Amino acid sequence: MTTQRFAFHHEWSLPGPAEPVVAALVDIEHYPRWWSQVRSVEALDDRSGRARIRSLLPVTLHLVLTRQIEDREGGRLRVAVDGDLTGWAQWSIVTGGGTTTAIFDQEVRVAARLSRAATLAPAVLRANHAWMMRQGRHGLAQEITRCR
């Protein structure tokens, strides 16, 4: 069976400066506080952690995220992704006009245990991901407002 690959791109426009956005995005262990689809994150060491993610579909993804790039000043954060998905995810932060744009890019392959579902329903998986990202944008906007 062919491995299903997915590439995602999302842009979140958020009010205010980049610093609180970058601070929240770097702090992966606290994502569950503002992004309810990120069910849990536990540190494995100083560079990696284990995450459980579940959106609308009744499937929990088990991932290991390993920091590859953490350039806070340059606004670039990237992790390697392993587990139920294999690949990478990245945030790029751009500011201008009193707003901050958090750009999310991800390229992953689906693990064998999920490949049948991914092959049969890629449009459903993309819609599920898009909904999860909208929820994340909303939660992050609330988080950075709360922290001001």
Protein backbone atom coordinates (compact mmCIF):
# COMPACT_ATOMS: atom_id res chain seq x y z
CA MET A 1 0.00 0.00 0.00
CA THR A 2 1.28 3.48 -0.86
CA THR A 3 2.14 5.73 2.05
CA GLN A 4 -0.17 8.74 2.17
CA ARG A 5 1.64 12.09 2.30
CA PHE A 6 0.16 15.39 3.37
CA ALA A 7 1.41 18.97 3.10
CA PHE A 8 -0.38 21.70 5.06
CA HIS A 9 -0.08 25.47 5.00
CA HIS A 10 -1.99 27.82 7.31
CA GLU A 11 -1.60 31.51 8.11
CA TRP A 12 -2.87 32.94 11.38
CA SER A 13 -3.23 36.71 11.61
CA LEU A 14 -2.95 37.76 15.25
CA PRO A 15 -3.12 41.23 16.84
CA GLY A 16 -0.03 42.77 18.37
CA PRO A 17 3.71 42.16 18.37
CA ALA A 18 5.54 38.93 17.60
CA GLU A 19 7.10 38.32 21.03
CA PRO A 20 4.05 36.84 22.82
CA VAL A 21 3.18 34.75 19.76
CA VAL A 22 6.70 33.31 19.55
CA ALA A 23 6.78 32.73 23.31
CA ALA A 24 3.52 30.74 23.18
CA LEU A 25 4.58 28.71 20.12
CA VAL A 26 7.99 27.84 21.61
CA ASP A 27 6.33 26.59 24.81
CA ILE A 28 5.02 23.33 23.33
CA GLU A 29 4.41 21.74 26.73
CA HIS A 30 1.67 24.32 27.38
CA TYR A 31 -0.16 23.98 24.05
CA PRO A 32 -2.95 21.97 25.74
CA ARG A 33 -3.76 25.06 27.83
CA TRP A 34 -4.86 27.01 24.74
CA TRP A 35 -5.28 24.37 22.01
CA SER A 36 -7.77 21.74 23.15
CA GLN A 37 -7.00 19.34 20.30
CA VAL A 38 -3.46 19.00 21.68
CA ARG A 39 -4.53 16.68 24.47
CA SER A 40 -1.16 16.32 26.21
CA VAL A 41 2.54 17.03 25.82
CA GLU A 42 5.22 15.56 28.06
CA ALA A 43 8.92 16.33 27.87
CA LEU A 44 11.23 13.45 27.05
CA ASP A 45 14.43 15.50 27.30
CA ASP A 46 15.52 19.10 26.64
CA ARG A 47 14.87 18.79 22.86
CA SER A 48 11.90 16.45 22.50
CA GLY A 49 8.49 15.55 23.83
CA ARG A 50 5.62 13.15 23.36
CA ALA A 51 2.28 14.60 22.23
CA ARG A 52 -1.25 13.24 21.92
CA ILE A 53 -3.43 15.06 19.40
CA ARG A 54 -7.09 14.47 18.62
CA SER A 55 -9.44 16.60 16.57
CA LEU A 56 -13.00 15.76 15.47
CA LEU A 57 -12.26 12.27 14.15
CA PRO A 58 -12.13 9.45 16.71
CA VAL A 59 -8.39 8.92 16.23
CA THR A 60 -5.69 10.04 18.65
CA LEU A 61 -2.31 10.71 17.06
CA HIS A 62 0.72 9.78 19.14
CA LEU A 63 3.72 11.87 18.12
CA VAL A 64 7.27 12.52 19.21
CA LEU A 65 8.34 16.09 18.43
CA THR A 66 12.05 16.91 18.35
CA ARG A 67 13.26 20.50 18.11
CA GLN A 68 15.35 21.16 15.02
CA ILE A 69 15.28 24.97 14.85
CA GLU A 70 14.46 27.50 17.54
CA ASP A 71 15.28 30.95 16.17
CA ARG A 72 13.11 33.23 18.30
CA GLU A 73 14.56 36.47 16.93
CA GLY A 74 14.24 35.30 13.32
CA GLY A 75 10.77 33.92 13.99
CA ARG A 76 11.40 30.37 12.83
CA LEU A 77 10.55 27.25 14.83
CA ARG A 78 10.76 23.73 13.44
CA VAL A 79 10.29 20.23 14.84
CA ALA A 80 10.83 16.78 13.42
CA VAL A 81 7.70 14.65 13.77
CA ASP A 82 7.76 10.91 14.39
CA GLY A 83 5.18 8.32 15.42
CA ASP A 84 1.75 8.16 13.77
CA LEU A 85 3.02 10.88 11.43
CA THR A 86 6.59 11.21 10.18
CA GLY A 87 8.04 14.41 8.77
CA TRP A 88 8.29 17.97 10.05
CA ALA A 89 6.24 20.97 11.18
CA GLN A 90 7.33 24.58 11.20
CA TRP A 91 6.20 28.03 12.32
CA SER A 92 7.45 31.21 10.60
CA ILE A 93 6.54 34.52 12.24
CA VAL A 94 6.12 37.73 10.23
CA THR A 95 5.16 41.13 11.64
CA GLY A 96 3.85 44.32 10.09
CA GLY A 97 1.09 46.88 10.43
CA GLY A 98 0.44 46.11 14.09
CA THR A 99 -0.26 42.43 13.47
CA THR A 100 1.71 39.22 13.60
CA THR A 101 1.25 36.41 11.11
CA ALA A 102 2.09 32.91 12.29
CA ILE A 103 2.66 30.73 9.22
CA PHE A 104 2.36 26.99 9.79
CA ASP A 105 3.81 24.52 7.29
CA GLN A 106 3.88 20.77 7.68
CA GLU A 107 4.89 17.84 5.52
CA VAL A 108 4.18 14.38 6.89
CA ARG A 109 3.66 10.76 5.94
CA VAL A 110 0.98 8.73 7.67
CA ALA A 111 2.07 5.68 9.69
CA ALA A 112 1.09 2.22 8.49
CA ARG A 113 -1.60 1.77 11.15
CA LEU A 114 -3.50 4.78 9.75
CA SER A 115 -2.64 4.42 6.05
CA ARG A 116 -5.88 2.73 5.00
CA ALA A 117 -8.03 5.51 6.46
CA ALA A 118 -5.72 8.17 4.98
CA THR A 119 -5.93 6.58 1.53
CA LEU A 120 -9.72 6.20 1.61
CA ALA A 121 -10.60 9.62 3.03
CA PRO A 122 -7.90 12.24 2.43
CA ALA A 123 -10.48 15.03 1.98
CA VAL A 124 -12.00 14.20 5.38
CA LEU A 125 -8.55 14.24 7.00
CA ARG A 126 -7.76 17.61 5.40
CA ALA A 127 -11.07 19.06 6.65
CA ASN A 128 -10.38 17.67 10.12
CA HIS A 129 -6.93 19.28 10.10
CA ALA A 130 -8.33 22.62 8.90
CA TRP A 131 -10.90 22.64 11.72
CA MET A 132 -8.20 21.84 14.26
CA MET A 133 -6.04 24.68 12.96
CA ARG A 134 -8.94 27.16 13.20
CA GLN A 135 -9.42 26.11 16.81
CA GLY A 136 -5.70 26.56 17.47
CA ARG A 137 -5.70 30.07 15.98
CA HIS A 138 -8.66 31.04 18.14
CA GLY A 139 -7.03 29.58 21.28
CA LEU A 140 -3.69 31.28 20.60
CA ALA A 141 -5.40 34.65 20.07
CA GLN A 142 -7.09 34.26 23.46
CA GLU A 143 -3.83 33.12 25.09
CA ILE A 144 -1.77 36.09 23.91
CA THR A 145 -4.54 38.50 24.93
CA ARG A 146 -4.73 36.88 28.38
CA CYS A 147 -0.94 37.12 28.85
CA ARG A 148 -0.75 40.85 28.06
